[in-house]
Amino acid sequence: MPADIDKSAVIETYNLHEEDTGSTPVQIAIMTERVKNLTRHLQQNKKDGHSRRGLINIISQRKKLLAYLKRTDRAKYDEVVKALNLRA
């Protein structure tokens, strides 16, 4: 898996406070970056089944976190979805 995501920049953009590295919006943003990178990788390496399975798992986990965020904090959910261009 390509490891060219800048986690610290993503965390800085979506954190809720200075020490925040694991809140739901941060986790969703990191997963979205990983999905983008894996999608790019799979476009070049169409037969990479292991990465495809990893991509499906990340998307599933992100979907669960989005459902949790929607259930607990609808305003933050709307903000995150809009910022990450999810659910067109």
C-alpha atoms as a PDB file:
ATOM      1  CA  MET A   1       0.000   0.000   0.000  1.00  0.00           C
ATOM      2  CA  PRO A   2       1.376   3.421  -0.863  1.00  0.00           C
ATOM      3  CA  ALA A   3       2.149   5.406   2.243  1.00  0.00           C
ATOM      4  CA  ASP A   4       2.124   8.906   0.779  1.00  0.00           C
ATOM      5  CA  ILE A   5      -0.583  10.477   2.906  1.00  0.00           C
ATOM      6  CA  ASP A   6       0.425  13.343   5.161  1.00  0.00           C
ATOM      7  CA  LYS A   7      -1.374  12.276   8.323  1.00  0.00           C
ATOM      8  CA  SER A   8      -0.290  15.296  10.338  1.00  0.00           C
ATOM      9  CA  ALA A   9      -1.777  17.705   7.786  1.00  0.00           C
ATOM     10  CA  VAL A  10      -5.064  15.778   7.733  1.00  0.00           C
ATOM     11  CA  ILE A  11      -5.166  15.676  11.540  1.00  0.00           C
ATOM     12  CA  GLU A  12      -4.426  19.405  11.744  1.00  0.00           C
ATOM     13  CA  THR A  13      -7.246  20.180   9.303  1.00  0.00           C
ATOM     14  CA  TYR A  14      -9.965  18.099  10.967  1.00  0.00           C
ATOM     15  CA  ASN A  15      -9.014  18.047  14.664  1.00  0.00           C
ATOM     16  CA  LEU A  16     -11.496  19.297  17.230  1.00  0.00           C
ATOM     17  CA  HIS A  17      -8.824  20.646  19.588  1.00  0.00           C
ATOM     18  CA  GLU A  18      -5.025  20.903  19.758  1.00  0.00           C
ATOM     19  CA  GLU A  19      -4.326  17.397  21.105  1.00  0.00           C
ATOM     20  CA  ASP A  20      -6.974  15.628  19.000  1.00  0.00           C
ATOM     21  CA  THR A  21      -5.639  12.785  16.864  1.00  0.00           C
ATOM     22  CA  GLY A  22      -8.392  10.187  17.033  1.00  0.00           C
ATOM     23  CA  SER A  23     -11.817  11.809  16.984  1.00  0.00           C
ATOM     24  CA  THR A  24     -14.364  10.518  14.512  1.00  0.00           C
ATOM     25  CA  PRO A  25     -13.938  13.363  11.970  1.00  0.00           C
ATOM     26  CA  VAL A  26     -10.153  12.870  12.000  1.00  0.00           C
ATOM     27  CA  GLN A  27     -10.483   9.122  11.506  1.00  0.00           C
ATOM     28  CA  ILE A  28     -12.908   9.634   8.613  1.00  0.00           C
ATOM     29  CA  ALA A  29     -10.564  12.139   6.957  1.00  0.00           C
ATOM     30  CA  ILE A  30      -7.560   9.814   7.265  1.00  0.00           C
ATOM     31  CA  MET A  31      -9.563   6.921   5.831  1.00  0.00           C
ATOM     32  CA  THR A  32     -10.704   9.101   2.942  1.00  0.00           C
ATOM     33  CA  GLU A  33      -7.086   9.905   2.087  1.00  0.00           C
ATOM     34  CA  ARG A  34      -6.218   6.207   2.233  1.00  0.00           C
ATOM     35  CA  VAL A  35      -9.166   5.418  -0.046  1.00  0.00           C
ATOM     36  CA  LYS A  36      -7.961   8.003  -2.573  1.00  0.00           C
ATOM     37  CA  ASN A  37      -4.438   6.579  -2.549  1.00  0.00           C
ATOM     38  CA  LEU A  38      -5.592   2.967  -2.841  1.00  0.00           C
ATOM     39  CA  THR A  39      -7.961   3.893  -5.663  1.00  0.00           C
ATOM     40  CA  ARG A  40      -5.067   5.488  -7.545  1.00  0.00           C
ATOM     41  CA  HIS A  41      -2.926   2.412  -6.864  1.00  0.00           C
ATOM     42  CA  LEU A  42      -5.630   0.036  -8.094  1.00  0.00           C
ATOM     43  CA  GLN A  43      -6.105   1.986 -11.311  1.00  0.00           C
ATOM     44  CA  GLN A  44      -2.479   1.215 -12.154  1.00  0.00           C
ATOM     45  CA  ASN A  45      -2.417  -2.309 -10.666  1.00  0.00           C
ATOM     46  CA  LYS A  46      -5.727  -3.831 -11.648  1.00  0.00           C
ATOM     47  CA  LYS A  47      -4.895  -7.357 -10.488  1.00  0.00           C
ATOM     48  CA  ASP A  48      -3.838  -6.439  -6.952  1.00  0.00           C
ATOM     49  CA  GLY A  49      -6.517  -8.345  -5.068  1.00  0.00           C
ATOM     50  CA  HIS A  50      -5.005  -7.813  -1.641  1.00  0.00           C
ATOM     51  CA  SER A  51      -5.115  -4.036  -1.954  1.00  0.00           C
ATOM     52  CA  ARG A  52      -8.648  -4.236  -3.342  1.00  0.00           C
ATOM     53  CA  ARG A  53      -9.756  -6.170  -0.250  1.00  0.00           C
ATOM     54  CA  GLY A  54      -8.051  -3.601   1.975  1.00  0.00           C
ATOM     55  CA  LEU A  55      -9.845  -0.815   0.127  1.00  0.00           C
ATOM     56  CA  ILE A  56     -13.204  -2.493   0.656  1.00  0.00           C
ATOM     57  CA  ASN A  57     -12.453  -2.895   4.375  1.00  0.00           C
ATOM     58  CA  ILE A  58     -11.459   0.774   4.740  1.00  0.00           C
ATOM     59  CA  ILE A  59     -14.601   1.928   2.923  1.00  0.00           C
ATOM     60  CA  SER A  60     -16.744  -0.286   5.162  1.00  0.00           C
ATOM     61  CA  GLN A  61     -15.098   1.040   8.323  1.00  0.00           C
ATOM     62  CA  ARG A  62     -15.471   4.646   7.109  1.00  0.00           C
ATOM     63  CA  LYS A  63     -19.150   3.998   6.366  1.00  0.00           C
ATOM     64  CA  LYS A  64     -19.683   2.788   9.947  1.00  0.00           C
ATOM     65  CA  LEU A  65     -17.925   5.854  11.375  1.00  0.00           C
ATOM     66  CA  LEU A  66     -20.021   8.154   9.171  1.00  0.00           C
ATOM     67  CA  ALA A  67     -23.199   6.462  10.419  1.00  0.00           C
ATOM     68  CA  TYR A  68     -22.013   6.901  14.022  1.00  0.00           C
ATOM     69  CA  LEU A  69     -21.202  10.578  13.463  1.00  0.00           C
ATOM     70  CA  LYS A  70     -24.557  11.162  11.777  1.00  0.00           C
ATOM     71  CA  ARG A  71     -26.318   9.562  14.737  1.00  0.00           C
ATOM     72  CA  THR A  72     -24.424  11.472  17.419  1.00  0.00           C
ATOM     73  CA  ASP A  73     -23.590  14.903  15.912  1.00  0.00           C
ATOM     74  CA  ARG A  74     -25.531  15.762  12.762  1.00  0.00           C
ATOM     75  CA  ALA A  75     -23.968  19.217  12.348  1.00  0.00           C
ATOM     76  CA  LYS A  76     -20.426  17.820  12.460  1.00  0.00           C
ATOM     77  CA  TYR A  77     -21.470  15.039  10.062  1.00  0.00           C
ATOM     78  CA  ASP A  78     -22.767  17.564   7.522  1.00  0.00           C
ATOM     79  CA  GLU A  79     -19.578  19.608   7.889  1.00  0.00           C
ATOM     80  CA  VAL A  80     -17.286  16.594   7.376  1.00  0.00           C
ATOM     81  CA  VAL A  81     -19.250  15.243   4.410  1.00  0.00           C
ATOM     82  CA  LYS A  82     -19.149  18.631   2.715  1.00  0.00           C
ATOM     83  CA  ALA A  83     -15.439  19.189   3.431  1.00  0.00           C
ATOM     84  CA  LEU A  84     -14.433  15.751   2.109  1.00  0.00           C
ATOM     85  CA  ASN A  85     -16.807  15.835  -0.891  1.00  0.00           C
ATOM     86  CA  LEU A  86     -18.521  12.618   0.145  1.00  0.00           C
ATOM     87  CA  ARG A  87     -22.063  11.647  -0.888  1.00  0.00           C
ATOM     88  CA  ALA A  88     -22.614  13.840  -3.904  1.00  0.00           C
END
